[in-house]
Amino acid sequence: MPLLLLFSSIIGLFLSLWIVTTAPTFAFYPLSVGAPELSPGLLLGNGAIALLALFTWRHQQKWLLLGILSMSVVAVLLSALPLLQLPATHKQFAAEMERSLGVQPETIKPTNGRSQPFSWQTFFTGLPVSPVRYDANIQFAVPNGVPLKLDLYRPIQMGQHPTVVMIYGGAWQRGNPTDNALVSRYLAGQGYTVVAIAYRFAPQYPFPAQIEDVRSALEFIRQNAAKYEIDLNRMAIMGRSAGAHLAMLAAYPAKAPLQTPNTPAFRAVVNYYSPVDLTKGYSDPPNPDPIDSKKTLKAFLGGTPDQFPALYQAASPINFVRPNLPPTLLVYGGRDHIVQSKFGRYLSEQLQASGNIATFLEIPWAEHAFDALPSGISNQLAMYYTERFLAWTMKE
């Protein structure tokens, strides 16, 4: 028993340390992302190890058990950090949403929405998903001979529905419309048609191929709105990381709306941890920098800001801020070491200075891609506010 407890306490402490430790390389980055999201489970596990060490104290080697107990107590304290920060963060988020939208978020009642920002049941069983209609691999364009497809999630009820266009992340180099499928299904269960779209990847297809593909998808959506039960007057666009970057370029075009007269405008933009100013992102990378930001941006844009200054400007959503943009929700991790949260805060400030509605939420313990674990503590909190933001902006 003591040896098993020793091994378990070492593992528990090792995992819990990643809640406050940043991965130096991408190989370790999943630990930095996952540990905070799994912290409620780590808290229970570390607590159980500590209790077992106390229970066997009288009957086994006390010095060994003292070491086990010491490690478990430290692990308990570390794994409790996100939950300890949750009430104050929730209160801060509610105040920020009330400031930006003019309503208290708890008064907004999304269809099938959750009543609290964190649930132990959801943590263990997953986001509650209602039955939905699902159609996969619908081809919408073939640029350069590359077939681009989308996935469609619709409520069981027939009829026109408000629509969320979903764009996956992946440093503009990888990904699939099935990424974050659980969240797409969850939103469809709340009465939205969700259209998860694909785009071509860098470096084989550098920018602006990606935003061109997004616009092709939007044109396809416009032409097939009746067929796919899409309400063109109630549309939002949502993305993660590189996908959120493309979502903002689509929603904040140089010429409204979306460079073409027939493409629908958006009621809302939901941005999870997107790059904002690519020139500054190149010159001011995070430290540590697990994905090598400069290498990633060079692959996306074909070179450095010195080589292609105009291209970097054209690919930076911050340069398209002006009055009368759609309300924007920005959700960032306070410990993000791929896209620093300060860039999202700056975008929010610029949007507000131009007279736009912008809600900035920073999850203090979260890393980039925190929502890769949909039932984790950060995504539960983020979805609580996302579903209310969408319900408010998409109301009839």
Protein backbone atom coordinates (compact mmCIF):
# COMPACT_ATOMS: atom_id res chain seq x y z
CA MET A 1 0.00 0.00 0.00
CA PRO A 2 2.66 2.65 0.86
CA LEU A 3 4.48 2.12 -2.45
CA LEU A 4 1.24 2.45 -4.38
CA LEU A 5 0.40 5.62 -2.46
CA LEU A 6 3.91 6.96 -3.10
CA PHE A 7 3.59 6.39 -6.83
CA SER A 8 0.10 7.94 -6.88
CA SER A 9 1.21 11.00 -4.89
CA ILE A 10 4.15 11.59 -7.24
CA ILE A 11 1.87 11.40 -10.29
CA GLY A 12 -0.72 13.66 -8.63
CA LEU A 13 1.89 16.27 -7.74
CA PHE A 14 3.51 16.08 -11.18
CA LEU A 15 0.19 16.71 -12.94
CA SER A 16 -0.89 19.43 -10.50
CA LEU A 17 2.35 21.35 -10.98
CA TRP A 18 1.36 21.99 -14.60
CA ILE A 19 -1.48 24.19 -13.34
CA VAL A 20 1.17 26.81 -12.51
CA THR A 21 3.92 25.72 -14.92
CA THR A 22 4.24 26.70 -18.57
CA ALA A 23 5.38 24.14 -21.10
CA PRO A 24 8.76 25.09 -22.61
CA THR A 25 8.06 23.15 -25.81
CA PHE A 26 4.98 22.07 -27.73
CA ALA A 27 5.54 18.44 -26.74
CA PHE A 28 4.67 19.32 -23.12
CA TYR A 29 1.99 21.87 -23.98
CA PRO A 30 -0.96 19.46 -23.56
CA LEU A 31 0.01 19.18 -19.88
CA SER A 32 -0.19 22.95 -19.42
CA VAL A 33 -3.55 23.00 -21.18
CA GLY A 34 -5.10 19.95 -19.58
CA ALA A 35 -4.00 20.20 -15.95
CA PRO A 36 -6.10 23.31 -15.10
CA GLU A 37 -9.12 21.89 -16.93
CA LEU A 38 -8.88 18.59 -15.04
CA SER A 39 -8.07 20.31 -11.74
CA PRO A 40 -11.40 19.41 -10.07
CA GLY A 41 -10.65 15.74 -10.71
CA LEU A 42 -7.06 16.20 -9.58
CA LEU A 43 -8.33 17.82 -6.40
CA LEU A 44 -10.47 14.81 -5.58
CA GLY A 45 -7.69 12.37 -6.42
CA ASN A 46 -5.02 14.20 -4.45
CA GLY A 47 -7.38 14.57 -1.52
CA ALA A 48 -8.12 10.84 -1.56
CA ILE A 49 -4.40 10.03 -1.51
CA ALA A 50 -3.87 12.34 1.46
CA LEU A 51 -6.74 10.72 3.36
CA LEU A 52 -5.43 7.23 2.65
CA ALA A 53 -1.99 8.25 3.90
CA LEU A 54 -3.55 9.48 7.13
CA PHE A 55 -5.66 6.34 7.46
CA THR A 56 -2.63 4.03 7.18
CA TRP A 57 -0.41 6.23 9.38
CA ARG A 58 -0.65 3.97 12.45
CA HIS A 59 0.12 0.75 10.63
CA GLN A 60 2.87 1.56 8.12
CA GLN A 61 6.23 3.36 7.78
CA LYS A 62 5.60 6.81 9.17
CA TRP A 63 8.47 8.58 7.41
CA LEU A 64 7.34 7.29 4.03
CA LEU A 65 3.76 8.24 4.75
CA LEU A 66 4.86 11.69 5.89
CA GLY A 67 6.49 12.23 2.50
CA ILE A 68 3.38 10.98 0.73
CA LEU A 69 1.17 13.21 2.83
CA SER A 70 3.38 16.25 2.23
CA MET A 71 3.33 15.78 -1.55
CA SER A 72 -0.43 15.20 -1.55
CA VAL A 73 -1.13 18.34 0.48
CA VAL A 74 0.92 20.45 -1.94
CA ALA A 75 -0.91 18.80 -4.86
CA VAL A 76 -4.28 19.49 -3.21
CA LEU A 77 -3.43 23.18 -2.83
CA LEU A 78 -2.28 23.44 -6.45
CA SER A 79 -5.28 21.58 -7.87
CA ALA A 80 -7.67 23.73 -5.82
CA LEU A 81 -6.44 26.98 -7.38
CA PRO A 82 -8.84 27.19 -10.37
CA LEU A 83 -11.88 26.33 -8.23
CA LEU A 84 -10.80 28.89 -5.62
CA GLN A 85 -10.57 31.55 -8.34
CA LEU A 86 -13.86 30.57 -9.98
CA PRO A 87 -16.32 32.61 -7.81
CA ALA A 88 -14.43 35.89 -8.21
CA THR A 89 -13.92 35.25 -11.93
CA HIS A 90 -17.62 34.49 -12.40
CA LYS A 91 -18.52 37.70 -10.59
CA GLN A 92 -16.09 39.69 -12.72
CA PHE A 93 -17.46 38.16 -15.94
CA ALA A 94 -21.04 38.94 -14.93
CA ALA A 95 -20.10 42.57 -14.29
CA GLU A 96 -18.29 42.81 -17.63
CA MET A 97 -21.22 41.37 -19.55
CA GLU A 98 -23.67 43.66 -17.75
CA ARG A 99 -21.44 46.63 -18.59
CA SER A 100 -21.19 45.74 -22.27
CA LEU A 101 -24.71 44.44 -22.96
CA GLY A 102 -26.66 46.46 -20.41
CA VAL A 103 -28.33 43.37 -18.92
CA GLN A 104 -27.46 41.00 -16.12
CA PRO A 105 -26.35 37.69 -17.69
CA GLU A 106 -28.39 35.62 -15.23
CA THR A 107 -31.56 37.22 -16.66
CA ILE A 108 -30.74 35.87 -20.14
CA LYS A 109 -32.29 32.42 -20.50
CA PRO A 110 -30.86 30.43 -23.42
CA THR A 111 -32.93 27.48 -24.60
CA ASN A 112 -31.59 24.40 -22.79
CA GLY A 113 -28.85 26.59 -21.31
CA ARG A 114 -27.10 25.72 -18.08
CA SER A 115 -28.02 27.55 -14.90
CA GLN A 116 -24.53 27.79 -13.42
CA PRO A 117 -20.98 28.37 -14.71
CA PHE A 118 -19.59 25.14 -13.29
CA SER A 119 -21.24 21.81 -12.50
CA TRP A 120 -19.57 18.76 -11.01
CA GLN A 121 -22.05 16.59 -12.88
CA THR A 122 -21.09 18.21 -16.20
CA PHE A 123 -17.42 17.77 -15.34
CA PHE A 124 -17.88 14.02 -15.01
CA THR A 125 -20.60 13.36 -17.60
CA GLY A 126 -19.88 16.04 -20.23
CA LEU A 127 -21.86 18.91 -21.70
CA PRO A 128 -25.55 17.98 -21.93
CA VAL A 129 -26.30 17.39 -25.61
CA SER A 130 -29.82 17.19 -27.01
CA PRO A 131 -30.66 15.10 -30.09
CA VAL A 132 -29.86 17.04 -33.26
CA ARG A 133 -29.81 16.48 -37.01
CA TYR A 134 -26.31 16.09 -38.41
CA ASP A 135 -25.16 16.22 -42.05
CA ALA A 136 -21.44 15.78 -42.75
CA ASN A 137 -19.11 16.51 -45.67
CA ILE A 138 -21.26 18.92 -47.66
CA GLN A 139 -18.99 20.31 -50.37
CA PHE A 140 -19.15 24.09 -50.81
CA ALA A 141 -16.13 24.92 -53.01
CA VAL A 142 -13.17 23.41 -54.88
CA PRO A 143 -10.44 26.10 -55.04
CA ASN A 144 -7.26 24.94 -56.79
CA GLY A 145 -8.78 21.48 -56.98
CA VAL A 146 -9.04 21.22 -53.17
CA PRO A 147 -12.52 20.06 -52.11
CA LEU A 148 -13.75 22.10 -49.16
CA LYS A 149 -16.58 20.71 -47.06
CA LEU A 150 -18.75 21.71 -44.14
CA ASP A 151 -20.67 19.92 -41.41
CA LEU A 152 -24.21 20.92 -40.54
CA TYR A 153 -25.85 20.60 -37.13
CA ARG A 154 -29.54 21.43 -36.86
CA PRO A 155 -32.16 21.27 -34.13
CA ILE A 156 -34.64 18.43 -34.30
CA GLN A 157 -37.43 20.95 -34.88
CA MET A 158 -37.91 21.91 -38.52
CA GLY A 159 -37.90 25.58 -39.52
CA GLN A 160 -35.58 28.55 -39.95
CA HIS A 161 -33.09 28.84 -37.13
CA PRO A 162 -30.55 31.44 -36.02
CA THR A 163 -27.18 30.27 -37.26
CA VAL A 164 -23.62 30.05 -35.96
CA VAL A 165 -20.80 29.68 -38.49
CA MET A 166 -18.02 27.73 -36.73
CA ILE A 167 -14.34 27.92 -37.76
CA TYR A 168 -11.74 25.61 -36.22
CA GLY A 169 -8.21 26.59 -35.18
CA GLY A 170 -4.86 24.92 -35.78
CA ALA A 171 -2.32 27.66 -36.60
CA TRP A 172 -3.87 27.92 -40.11
CA GLN A 173 -2.08 24.62 -40.88
CA ARG A 174 -4.35 21.86 -39.61
CA GLY A 175 -7.84 21.11 -38.37
CA ASN A 176 -11.18 19.72 -39.39
CA PRO A 177 -14.85 20.81 -39.26
CA THR A 178 -15.38 17.96 -36.76
CA ASP A 179 -13.10 19.71 -34.26
CA ASN A 180 -15.13 20.80 -31.21
CA ALA A 181 -18.08 18.82 -32.56
CA LEU A 182 -19.51 18.47 -29.05
CA VAL A 183 -19.86 22.25 -28.72
CA SER A 184 -21.50 22.43 -32.16
CA ARG A 185 -23.99 19.77 -31.10
CA TYR A 186 -24.55 21.57 -27.81
CA LEU A 187 -25.40 24.83 -29.59
CA ALA A 188 -27.66 23.02 -32.07
CA GLY A 189 -29.49 21.66 -29.04
CA GLN A 190 -30.13 25.26 -28.02
CA GLY A 191 -31.94 25.98 -31.27
CA TYR A 192 -29.12 27.10 -33.58
CA THR A 193 -28.13 25.79 -36.97
CA VAL A 194 -24.36 25.37 -36.71
CA VAL A 195 -22.29 25.34 -39.89
CA ALA A 196 -18.71 24.12 -39.28
CA ILE A 197 -16.59 25.04 -42.30
CA ALA A 198 -13.17 24.07 -43.69
CA TYR A 199 -10.42 26.11 -45.34
CA ARG A 200 -7.11 25.48 -47.11
CA PHE A 201 -3.94 25.22 -45.07
CA ALA A 202 -0.68 27.12 -45.00
CA PRO A 203 2.12 26.92 -45.95
CA GLN A 204 0.96 25.26 -49.19
CA TYR A 205 -1.77 27.88 -49.48
CA PRO A 206 -0.65 31.07 -47.72
CA PHE A 207 -2.92 33.95 -46.78
CA PRO A 208 -5.32 35.18 -48.18
CA ALA A 209 -6.45 31.70 -49.31
CA GLN A 210 -8.03 31.02 -45.91
CA ILE A 211 -10.27 34.10 -45.79
CA GLU A 212 -11.21 33.55 -49.43
CA ASP A 213 -12.43 30.07 -48.44
CA VAL A 214 -14.43 31.49 -45.54
CA ARG A 215 -16.11 33.93 -47.91
CA SER A 216 -16.85 31.08 -50.33
CA ALA A 217 -18.52 29.21 -47.48
CA LEU A 218 -20.58 32.28 -46.55
CA GLU A 219 -21.72 32.67 -50.14
CA PHE A 220 -22.70 29.00 -50.21
CA ILE A 221 -24.65 29.51 -46.99
CA ARG A 222 -26.46 32.49 -48.50
CA GLN A 223 -27.42 30.56 -51.61
CA ASN A 224 -28.62 27.53 -49.64
CA ALA A 225 -30.18 29.26 -46.64
CA ALA A 226 -33.70 28.01 -47.30
CA LYS A 227 -32.51 24.44 -47.91
CA TYR A 228 -30.52 24.29 -44.68
CA GLU A 229 -33.03 26.21 -42.52
CA ILE A 230 -30.73 29.19 -41.99
CA ASP A 231 -32.07 32.56 -40.87
CA LEU A 232 -29.83 35.00 -42.73
CA ASN A 233 -31.01 37.84 -40.51
CA ARG A 234 -29.74 36.11 -37.36
CA MET A 235 -26.23 34.89 -37.93
CA ALA A 236 -23.14 34.79 -35.74
CA ILE A 237 -19.62 33.70 -36.57
CA MET A 238 -17.46 31.91 -34.00
CA GLY A 239 -13.92 30.61 -34.06
CA ARG A 240 -11.00 29.43 -32.00
CA SER A 241 -7.45 30.72 -32.36
CA ALA A 242 -6.70 30.83 -36.10
CA GLY A 243 -10.39 30.19 -36.75
CA ALA A 244 -11.38 33.19 -34.62
CA HIS A 245 -8.85 35.27 -36.53
CA LEU A 246 -10.60 34.33 -39.78
CA ALA A 247 -13.99 34.95 -38.19
CA MET A 248 -13.00 38.51 -37.34
CA LEU A 249 -11.60 39.16 -40.81
CA ALA A 250 -14.93 37.99 -42.21
CA ALA A 251 -16.98 40.11 -39.81
CA TYR A 252 -14.74 43.22 -39.89
CA PRO A 253 -14.17 43.60 -43.63
CA ALA A 254 -12.58 46.63 -45.28
CA LYS A 255 -15.80 47.00 -47.24
CA ALA A 256 -19.07 46.02 -45.65
CA PRO A 257 -20.62 43.59 -45.89
CA LEU A 258 -17.94 40.94 -46.43
CA GLN A 259 -16.62 42.40 -49.69
CA THR A 260 -19.72 41.28 -51.63
CA PRO A 261 -23.19 42.85 -51.65
CA ASN A 262 -25.11 39.61 -51.20
CA THR A 263 -23.29 37.94 -48.32
CA PRO A 264 -25.14 38.23 -45.00
CA ALA A 265 -23.91 40.43 -42.17
CA PHE A 266 -23.49 39.09 -38.65
CA ARG A 267 -25.32 39.75 -35.43
CA ALA A 268 -22.34 38.67 -33.33
CA VAL A 269 -18.72 37.54 -33.34
CA VAL A 270 -17.40 35.05 -30.78
CA ASN A 271 -13.62 35.04 -30.57
CA TYR A 272 -11.82 32.43 -28.49
CA TYR A 273 -8.15 33.44 -28.07
CA SER A 274 -7.49 34.81 -31.56
CA PRO A 275 -4.40 36.57 -32.91
CA VAL A 276 -5.26 40.25 -33.35
CA ASP A 277 -2.22 42.16 -34.59
CA LEU A 278 0.09 39.84 -36.52
CA THR A 279 2.91 42.36 -36.82
CA LYS A 280 3.05 42.85 -33.05
CA GLY A 281 2.53 39.14 -32.53
CA TYR A 282 5.68 38.54 -34.56
CA SER A 283 7.78 41.13 -32.72
CA ASP A 284 6.39 40.36 -29.24
CA PRO A 285 6.03 36.56 -28.95
CA PRO A 286 5.18 34.87 -25.64
CA ASN A 287 7.89 33.54 -23.35
CA PRO A 288 8.15 30.59 -23.44
CA ASP A 289 6.94 30.25 -27.01
CA PRO A 290 5.95 26.58 -27.45
CA ILE A 291 4.73 26.81 -31.06
CA ASP A 292 7.47 29.18 -32.31
CA SER A 293 5.21 32.11 -33.19
CA LYS A 294 7.55 33.61 -35.75
CA LYS A 295 7.85 30.35 -37.66
CA THR A 296 4.06 29.93 -37.59
CA LEU A 297 3.42 33.44 -38.90
CA LYS A 298 6.03 33.08 -41.63
CA ALA A 299 4.35 29.86 -42.77
CA PHE A 300 0.96 31.60 -42.82
CA LEU A 301 2.04 34.80 -44.59
CA GLY A 302 5.03 33.60 -46.57
CA GLY A 303 7.67 35.64 -44.79
CA THR A 304 8.41 38.25 -42.13
CA PRO A 305 6.75 41.62 -41.49
CA ASP A 306 9.79 43.32 -43.01
CA GLN A 307 9.33 41.31 -46.21
CA PHE A 308 5.54 41.65 -46.44
CA PRO A 309 4.38 44.59 -44.29
CA ALA A 310 1.20 45.17 -46.29
CA LEU A 311 0.23 41.51 -46.04
CA TYR A 312 0.68 41.51 -42.27
CA GLN A 313 -1.48 44.63 -42.07
CA ALA A 314 -4.18 43.09 -44.26
CA ALA A 315 -4.22 39.95 -42.11
CA SER A 316 -4.57 41.81 -38.79
CA PRO A 317 -8.17 42.30 -37.57
CA ILE A 318 -7.12 45.24 -35.39
CA ASN A 319 -6.69 47.30 -38.57
CA PHE A 320 -10.36 46.93 -39.50
CA VAL A 321 -11.88 48.28 -36.30
CA ARG A 322 -14.41 51.02 -37.03
CA PRO A 323 -17.91 51.98 -35.85
CA ASN A 324 -20.96 49.78 -36.45
CA LEU A 325 -19.25 46.40 -36.17
CA PRO A 326 -21.16 43.42 -34.74
CA PRO A 327 -21.09 42.88 -30.96
CA THR A 328 -17.98 40.86 -30.14
CA LEU A 329 -17.28 38.41 -27.33
CA LEU A 330 -13.58 37.85 -26.67
CA VAL A 331 -12.55 34.94 -24.42
CA TYR A 332 -8.85 34.53 -23.56
CA GLY A 333 -6.78 32.55 -21.11
CA GLY A 334 -4.75 34.54 -18.63
CA ARG A 335 -1.90 32.02 -18.94
CA ASP A 336 -2.05 31.72 -22.74
CA HIS A 337 1.45 31.22 -24.15
CA ILE A 338 0.42 31.01 -27.80
CA VAL A 339 -1.74 34.14 -28.11
CA GLN A 340 -1.19 36.49 -25.19
CA SER A 341 -4.40 37.79 -23.63
CA LYS A 342 -3.14 41.39 -23.72
CA PHE A 343 -3.82 41.44 -27.47
CA GLY A 344 -7.45 40.48 -26.95
CA ARG A 345 -7.81 43.13 -24.27
CA TYR A 346 -6.36 45.75 -26.60
CA LEU A 347 -8.79 44.76 -29.36
CA SER A 348 -11.68 45.04 -26.90
CA GLU A 349 -10.55 48.53 -25.89
CA GLN A 350 -10.29 49.64 -29.52
CA LEU A 351 -13.72 48.25 -30.35
CA GLN A 352 -15.25 50.09 -27.41
CA ALA A 353 -13.42 53.31 -28.29
CA SER A 354 -15.03 53.11 -31.74
CA GLY A 355 -18.50 52.79 -30.21
CA ASN A 356 -18.91 49.03 -30.63
CA ILE A 357 -20.16 46.46 -28.13
CA ALA A 358 -17.26 44.32 -26.92
CA THR A 359 -17.17 41.89 -23.98
CA PHE A 360 -13.71 40.80 -22.86
CA LEU A 361 -13.43 37.76 -20.57
CA GLU A 362 -10.05 36.57 -19.32
CA ILE A 363 -9.92 33.22 -17.51
CA PRO A 364 -6.97 33.67 -15.15
CA TRP A 365 -5.84 30.03 -14.87
CA ALA A 366 -6.48 28.97 -18.49
CA GLU A 367 -4.03 28.25 -21.29
CA HIS A 368 -4.58 28.39 -25.05
CA ALA A 369 -7.06 25.78 -26.35
CA PHE A 370 -8.61 25.31 -22.92
CA ASP A 371 -11.85 24.24 -24.61
CA ALA A 372 -10.19 21.13 -26.03
CA LEU A 373 -11.73 19.59 -22.89
CA PRO A 374 -15.38 20.67 -23.34
CA SER A 375 -16.45 19.73 -19.80
CA GLY A 376 -13.36 21.25 -18.17
CA ILE A 377 -13.69 24.10 -15.72
CA SER A 378 -12.67 26.83 -18.20
CA ASN A 379 -14.92 25.76 -21.05
CA GLN A 380 -17.89 25.35 -18.72
CA LEU A 381 -17.38 28.94 -17.60
CA ALA A 382 -16.77 30.20 -21.15
CA MET A 383 -19.83 28.41 -22.55
CA TYR A 384 -22.05 29.78 -19.77
CA TYR A 385 -21.30 33.28 -21.02
CA THR A 386 -21.07 32.39 -24.71
CA GLU A 387 -24.56 30.91 -24.77
CA ARG A 388 -25.94 34.02 -23.05
CA PHE A 389 -24.07 36.35 -25.38
CA LEU A 390 -25.48 34.50 -28.39
CA ALA A 391 -29.00 34.45 -26.95
CA TRP A 392 -28.88 38.22 -26.37
CA THR A 393 -27.41 39.14 -29.77
CA MET A 394 -29.55 36.72 -31.78
CA LYS A 395 -32.89 37.50 -30.19
CA GLU A 396 -35.75 38.31 -32.55
